[in-house]
């Protein structure tokens, strides 16, 4: 089982999920997935063992 799971959301809907053991690589993966996209995107990386959210990001829609 992977140590971390990264999840990306559009508004409150989960759109993609990816797991791995390297926290920084997962964070880069999340930011890369969100790059160039528009809308209310957010993401979080959760430690699968402790269920603690290790990192988060949020991109708000341009008005």
PDB file of N, CA and C in Angstrom:
ATOM      1  N   UNK A   1       0.837  -1.181   0.000  1.00  0.00           N
ATOM      2  CA  UNK A   1       0.000   0.000   0.000  1.00  0.00           C
ATOM      3  C   UNK A   1       0.884   1.247   0.000  1.00  0.00           C
ATOM      4  N   UNK A   2       0.491   2.230  -0.773  1.00  0.00           N
ATOM      5  CA  UNK A   2       1.232   3.488  -0.856  1.00  0.00           C
ATOM      6  C   UNK A   2       1.070   4.295   0.427  1.00  0.00           C
ATOM      7  N   UNK A   3       2.061   5.113   0.703  1.00  0.00           N
ATOM      8  CA  UNK A   3       2.044   5.940   1.904  1.00  0.00           C
ATOM      9  C   UNK A   3       1.049   7.085   1.795  1.00  0.00           C
ATOM     10  N   UNK A   4       0.946   7.699   0.591  1.00  0.00           N
ATOM     11  CA  UNK A   4       0.120   8.890   0.405  1.00  0.00           C
ATOM     12  C   UNK A   4      -0.848   8.709  -0.759  1.00  0.00           C
ATOM     13  N   UNK A   5      -1.960   9.455  -0.685  1.00  0.00           N
ATOM     14  CA  UNK A   5      -2.897   9.530  -1.799  1.00  0.00           C
ATOM     15  C   UNK A   5      -3.185  10.997  -2.080  1.00  0.00           C
ATOM     16  N   UNK A   6      -2.977  11.406  -3.335  1.00  0.00           N
ATOM     17  CA  UNK A   6      -3.280  12.762  -3.780  1.00  0.00           C
ATOM     18  C   UNK A   6      -4.620  12.736  -4.500  1.00  0.00           C
ATOM     19  N   UNK A   7      -5.469  13.696  -4.178  1.00  0.00           N
ATOM     20  CA  UNK A   7      -6.790  13.785  -4.782  1.00  0.00           C
ATOM     21  C   UNK A   7      -7.011  15.207  -5.260  1.00  0.00           C
ATOM     22  N   UNK A   8      -7.534  15.351  -6.489  1.00  0.00           N
ATOM     23  CA  UNK A   8      -7.848  16.661  -7.047  1.00  0.00           C
ATOM     24  C   UNK A   8      -9.356  16.759  -7.211  1.00  0.00           C
ATOM     25  N   UNK A   9      -9.885  17.936  -6.855  1.00  0.00           N
ATOM     26  CA  UNK A   9     -11.325  18.180  -6.897  1.00  0.00           C
ATOM     27  C   UNK A   9     -11.638  19.369  -7.794  1.00  0.00           C
ATOM     28  N   UNK A  10     -12.783  19.310  -8.477  1.00  0.00           N
ATOM     29  CA  UNK A  10     -13.369  20.463  -9.157  1.00  0.00           C
ATOM     30  C   UNK A  10     -14.623  20.784  -8.370  1.00  0.00           C
ATOM     31  N   UNK A  11     -14.667  21.974  -7.766  1.00  0.00           N
ATOM     32  CA  UNK A  11     -15.675  22.300  -6.757  1.00  0.00           C
ATOM     33  C   UNK A  11     -15.610  21.210  -5.691  1.00  0.00           C
ATOM     34  N   UNK A  12     -16.684  20.499  -5.408  1.00  0.00           N
ATOM     35  CA  UNK A  12     -16.629  19.435  -4.397  1.00  0.00           C
ATOM     36  C   UNK A  12     -16.545  18.045  -5.008  1.00  0.00           C
ATOM     37  N   UNK A  13     -16.389  17.963  -6.333  1.00  0.00           N
ATOM     38  CA  UNK A  13     -16.374  16.670  -7.015  1.00  0.00           C
ATOM     39  C   UNK A  13     -14.946  16.173  -7.246  1.00  0.00           C
ATOM     40  N   UNK A  14     -14.679  14.944  -6.836  1.00  0.00           N
ATOM     41  CA  UNK A  14     -13.370  14.330  -7.054  1.00  0.00           C
ATOM     42  C   UNK A  14     -13.208  14.039  -8.540  1.00  0.00           C
ATOM     43  N   UNK A  15     -12.091  14.503  -9.135  1.00  0.00           N
ATOM     44  CA  UNK A  15     -11.900  14.266 -10.567  1.00  0.00           C
ATOM     45  C   UNK A  15     -10.744  13.324 -10.877  1.00  0.00           C
ATOM     46  N   UNK A  16      -9.745  13.247 -10.002  1.00  0.00           N
ATOM     47  CA  UNK A  16      -8.628  12.333 -10.253  1.00  0.00           C
ATOM     48  C   UNK A  16      -7.912  12.043  -8.934  1.00  0.00           C
ATOM     49  N   UNK A  17      -7.329  10.860  -8.855  1.00  0.00           N
ATOM     50  CA  UNK A  17      -6.633  10.415  -7.645  1.00  0.00           C
ATOM     51  C   UNK A  17      -5.373   9.670  -8.072  1.00  0.00           C
ATOM     52  N   UNK A  18      -4.305   9.818  -7.275  1.00  0.00           N
ATOM     53  CA  UNK A  18      -3.036   9.155  -7.573  1.00  0.00           C
ATOM     54  C   UNK A  18      -2.339   8.851  -6.248  1.00  0.00           C
ATOM     55  N   UNK A  19      -1.712   7.699  -6.138  1.00  0.00           N
ATOM     56  CA  UNK A  19      -1.037   7.301  -4.899  1.00  0.00           C
ATOM     57  C   UNK A  19       0.453   7.117  -5.121  1.00  0.00           C
ATOM     58  N   UNK A  20       1.220   7.262  -4.051  1.00  0.00           N
ATOM     59  CA  UNK A  20       2.657   7.059  -4.123  1.00  0.00           C
ATOM     60  C   UNK A  20       3.290   7.185  -2.755  1.00  0.00           C
ATOM     61  N   UNK A  21       4.605   7.036  -2.722  1.00  0.00           N
ATOM     62  CA  UNK A  21       5.343   7.091  -1.461  1.00  0.00           C
ATOM     63  C   UNK A  21       6.140   8.377  -1.276  1.00  0.00           C
ATOM     64  N   UNK A  22       6.244   9.208  -2.319  1.00  0.00           N
ATOM     65  CA  UNK A  22       7.037  10.436  -2.266  1.00  0.00           C
ATOM     66  C   UNK A  22       6.100  11.643  -2.211  1.00  0.00           C
ATOM     67  N   UNK A  23       6.051  12.296  -1.066  1.00  0.00           N
ATOM     68  CA  UNK A  23       5.146  13.419  -0.842  1.00  0.00           C
ATOM     69  C   UNK A  23       5.378  14.552  -1.835  1.00  0.00           C
ATOM     70  N   UNK A  24       6.626  14.940  -2.038  1.00  0.00           N
ATOM     71  CA  UNK A  24       6.929  16.056  -2.938  1.00  0.00           C
ATOM     72  C   UNK A  24       6.587  15.728  -4.388  1.00  0.00           C
ATOM     73  N   UNK A  25       6.838  14.508  -4.826  1.00  0.00           N
ATOM     74  CA  UNK A  25       6.487  14.109  -6.194  1.00  0.00           C
ATOM     75  C   UNK A  25       4.983  14.152  -6.408  1.00  0.00           C
ATOM     76  N   UNK A  26       4.217  13.743  -5.413  1.00  0.00           N
ATOM     77  CA  UNK A  26       2.759  13.801  -5.523  1.00  0.00           C
ATOM     78  C   UNK A  26       2.269  15.244  -5.573  1.00  0.00           C
ATOM     79  N   UNK A  27       2.912  16.134  -4.818  1.00  0.00           N
ATOM     80  CA  UNK A  27       2.513  17.537  -4.847  1.00  0.00           C
ATOM     81  C   UNK A  27       2.788  18.142  -6.222  1.00  0.00           C
ATOM     82  N   UNK A  28       3.949  17.837  -6.791  1.00  0.00           N
ATOM     83  CA  UNK A  28       4.270  18.303  -8.145  1.00  0.00           C
ATOM     84  C   UNK A  28       3.269  17.728  -9.141  1.00  0.00           C
ATOM     85  N   UNK A  29       2.910  16.452  -9.002  1.00  0.00           N
ATOM     86  CA  UNK A  29       1.919  15.822  -9.880  1.00  0.00           C
ATOM     87  C   UNK A  29       0.597  16.577  -9.807  1.00  0.00           C
ATOM     88  N   UNK A  30       0.141  16.924  -8.595  1.00  0.00           N
ATOM     89  CA  UNK A  30      -1.127  17.651  -8.446  1.00  0.00           C
ATOM     90  C   UNK A  30      -1.072  19.001  -9.146  1.00  0.00           C
ATOM     91  N   UNK A  31       0.001  19.748  -8.926  1.00  0.00           N
ATOM     92  CA  UNK A  31       0.117  21.066  -9.546  1.00  0.00           C
ATOM     93  C   UNK A  31       0.195  20.962 -11.059  1.00  0.00           C
ATOM     94  N   UNK A  32       0.865  19.948 -11.572  1.00  0.00           N
ATOM     95  CA  UNK A  32       0.954  19.729 -13.017  1.00  0.00           C
ATOM     96  C   UNK A  32      -0.417  19.406 -13.598  1.00  0.00           C
ATOM     97  N   UNK A  33      -1.196  18.598 -12.915  1.00  0.00           N
ATOM     98  CA  UNK A  33      -2.539  18.251 -13.379  1.00  0.00           C
ATOM     99  C   UNK A  33      -3.440  19.483 -13.425  1.00  0.00           C
ATOM    100  N   UNK A  34      -3.246  20.424 -12.516  1.00  0.00           N
ATOM    101  CA  UNK A  34      -4.090  21.621 -12.439  1.00  0.00           C
ATOM    102  C   UNK A  34      -3.625  22.729 -13.375  1.00  0.00           C
ATOM    103  N   UNK A  35      -2.385  22.656 -13.844  1.00  0.00           N
ATOM    104  CA  UNK A  35      -1.814  23.711 -14.677  1.00  0.00           C
ATOM    105  C   UNK A  35      -2.625  23.892 -15.956  1.00  0.00           C
ATOM    106  N   UNK A  36      -2.986  25.143 -16.248  1.00  0.00           N
ATOM    107  CA  UNK A  36      -3.716  25.457 -17.465  1.00  0.00           C
ATOM    108  C   UNK A  36      -5.205  25.190 -17.395  1.00  0.00           C
ATOM    109  N   UNK A  37      -5.676  24.678 -16.284  1.00  0.00           N
ATOM    110  CA  UNK A  37      -7.103  24.397 -16.122  1.00  0.00           C
ATOM    111  C   UNK A  37      -7.781  25.616 -15.497  1.00  0.00           C
ATOM    112  N   UNK A  38      -9.058  25.775 -15.775  1.00  0.00           N
ATOM    113  CA  UNK A  38      -9.822  26.886 -15.226  1.00  0.00           C
ATOM    114  C   UNK A  38     -10.910  26.357 -14.316  1.00  0.00           C
ATOM    115  N   UNK A  39     -11.264  27.136 -13.331  1.00  0.00           N
ATOM    116  CA  UNK A  39     -12.328  26.736 -12.418  1.00  0.00           C
ATOM    117  C   UNK A  39     -11.830  26.650 -10.998  1.00  0.00           C
ATOM    118  N   UNK A  40     -12.691  26.184 -10.138  1.00  0.00           N
ATOM    119  CA  UNK A  40     -12.382  26.052  -8.716  1.00  0.00           C
ATOM    120  C   UNK A  40     -11.755  24.691  -8.455  1.00  0.00           C
ATOM    121  N   UNK A  41     -10.451  24.611  -8.634  1.00  0.00           N
ATOM    122  CA  UNK A  41      -9.727  23.363  -8.407  1.00  0.00           C
ATOM    123  C   UNK A  41      -9.064  23.391  -7.036  1.00  0.00           C
ATOM    124  N   UNK A  42      -9.030  22.248  -6.405  1.00  0.00           N
ATOM    125  CA  UNK A  42      -8.312  22.102  -5.146  1.00  0.00           C
ATOM    126  C   UNK A  42      -7.760  20.689  -5.085  1.00  0.00           C
ATOM    127  N   UNK A  43      -6.826  20.505  -4.198  1.00  0.00           N
ATOM    128  CA  UNK A  43      -6.247  19.179  -4.048  1.00  0.00           C
ATOM    129  C   UNK A  43      -5.692  18.983  -2.660  1.00  0.00           C
ATOM    130  N   UNK A  44      -5.537  17.725  -2.305  1.00  0.00           N
ATOM    131  CA  UNK A  44      -4.957  17.408  -1.005  1.00  0.00           C
ATOM    132  C   UNK A  44      -4.193  16.104  -1.106  1.00  0.00           C
ATOM    133  N   UNK A  45      -3.183  15.988  -0.271  1.00  0.00           N
ATOM    134  CA  UNK A  45      -2.432  14.740  -0.141  1.00  0.00           C
ATOM    135  C   UNK A  45      -2.660  14.240   1.276  1.00  0.00           C
ATOM    136  N   UNK A  46      -3.170  13.030   1.365  1.00  0.00           N
ATOM    137  CA  UNK A  46      -3.500  12.425   2.652  1.00  0.00           C
ATOM    138  C   UNK A  46      -2.538  11.289   2.957  1.00  0.00           C
ATOM    139  N   UNK A  47      -2.078  11.242   4.194  1.00  0.00           N
ATOM    140  CA  UNK A  47      -1.273  10.121   4.667  1.00  0.00           C
ATOM    141  C   UNK A  47      -2.232   8.957   4.886  1.00  0.00           C
ATOM    142  N   UNK A  48      -2.040   7.861   4.179  1.00  0.00           N
ATOM    143  CA  UNK A  48      -2.977   6.734   4.240  1.00  0.00           C
ATOM    144  C   UNK A  48      -2.997   6.036   5.598  1.00  0.00           C
ATOM    145  N   UNK A  49      -1.918   6.121   6.331  1.00  0.00           N
ATOM    146  CA  UNK A  49      -1.858   5.455   7.630  1.00  0.00           C
ATOM    147  C   UNK A  49      -2.530   6.291   8.718  1.00  0.00           C
ATOM    148  N   UNK A  50      -2.196   7.593   8.766  1.00  0.00           N
ATOM    149  CA  UNK A  50      -2.706   8.457   9.837  1.00  0.00           C
ATOM    150  C   UNK A  50      -3.973   9.213   9.450  1.00  0.00           C
ATOM    151  N   UNK A  51      -4.282   9.266   8.146  1.00  0.00           N
ATOM    152  CA  UNK A  51      -5.428  10.016   7.607  1.00  0.00           C
ATOM    153  C   UNK A  51      -5.274  11.531   7.762  1.00  0.00           C
ATOM    154  N   UNK A  52      -4.062  11.988   8.077  1.00  0.00           N
ATOM    155  CA  UNK A  52      -3.781  13.416   8.198  1.00  0.00           C
ATOM    156  C   UNK A  52      -3.518  13.986   6.811  1.00  0.00           C
ATOM    157  N   UNK A  53      -4.072  15.179   6.539  1.00  0.00           N
ATOM    158  CA  UNK A  53      -3.804  15.869   5.276  1.00  0.00           C
ATOM    159  C   UNK A  53      -2.431  16.521   5.396  1.00  0.00           C
ATOM    160  N   UNK A  54      -1.511  16.098   4.527  1.00  0.00           N
ATOM    161  CA  UNK A  54      -0.124  16.564   4.582  1.00  0.00           C
ATOM    162  C   UNK A  54       0.094  17.855   3.798  1.00  0.00           C
ATOM    163  N   UNK A  55      -0.570  17.998   2.639  1.00  0.00           N
ATOM    164  CA  UNK A  55      -0.420  19.187   1.791  1.00  0.00           C
ATOM    165  C   UNK A  55      -1.739  19.463   1.097  1.00  0.00           C
ATOM    166  N   UNK A  56      -1.975  20.753   0.775  1.00  0.00           N
ATOM    167  CA  UNK A  56      -3.184  21.153   0.066  1.00  0.00           C
ATOM    168  C   UNK A  56      -2.857  22.281  -0.902  1.00  0.00           C
ATOM    169  N   UNK A  57      -3.714  22.451  -1.913  1.00  0.00           N
ATOM    170  CA  UNK A  57      -3.645  23.625  -2.774  1.00  0.00           C
ATOM    171  C   UNK A  57      -5.055  23.984  -3.217  1.00  0.00           C
ATOM    172  N   UNK A  58      -5.235  25.231  -3.657  1.00  0.00           N
ATOM    173  CA  UNK A  58      -6.530  25.690  -4.156  1.00  0.00           C
ATOM    174  C   UNK A  58      -6.280  26.716  -5.254  1.00  0.00           C
ATOM    175  N   UNK A  59      -7.023  26.581  -6.347  1.00  0.00           N
ATOM    176  CA  UNK A  59      -6.983  27.540  -7.445  1.00  0.00           C
ATOM    177  C   UNK A  59      -8.408  28.022  -7.653  1.00  0.00           C
ATOM    178  N   UNK A  60      -8.631  29.325  -7.521  1.00  0.00           N
ATOM    179  CA  UNK A  60      -9.977  29.883  -7.676  1.00  0.00           C
ATOM    180  C   UNK A  60     -10.194  30.318  -9.119  1.00  0.00           C
ATOM    181  N   UNK A  61     -11.445  30.269  -9.552  1.00  0.00           N
ATOM    182  CA  UNK A  61     -11.812  30.699 -10.903  1.00  0.00           C
ATOM    183  C   UNK A  61     -11.565  32.196 -11.046  1.00  0.00           C
ATOM    184  N   UNK A  62     -11.123  32.609 -12.237  1.00  0.00           N
ATOM    185  CA  UNK A  62     -10.928  34.032 -12.522  1.00  0.00           C
ATOM    186  C   UNK A  62     -12.274  34.648 -12.836  1.00  0.00           C
ATOM    187  N   UNK A  63     -12.511  35.823 -12.300  1.00  0.00           N
ATOM    188  CA  UNK A  63     -13.805  36.483 -12.512  1.00  0.00           C
ATOM    189  C   UNK A  63     -13.668  37.567 -13.539  1.00  0.00           C
TER     190      UNK A  63
END
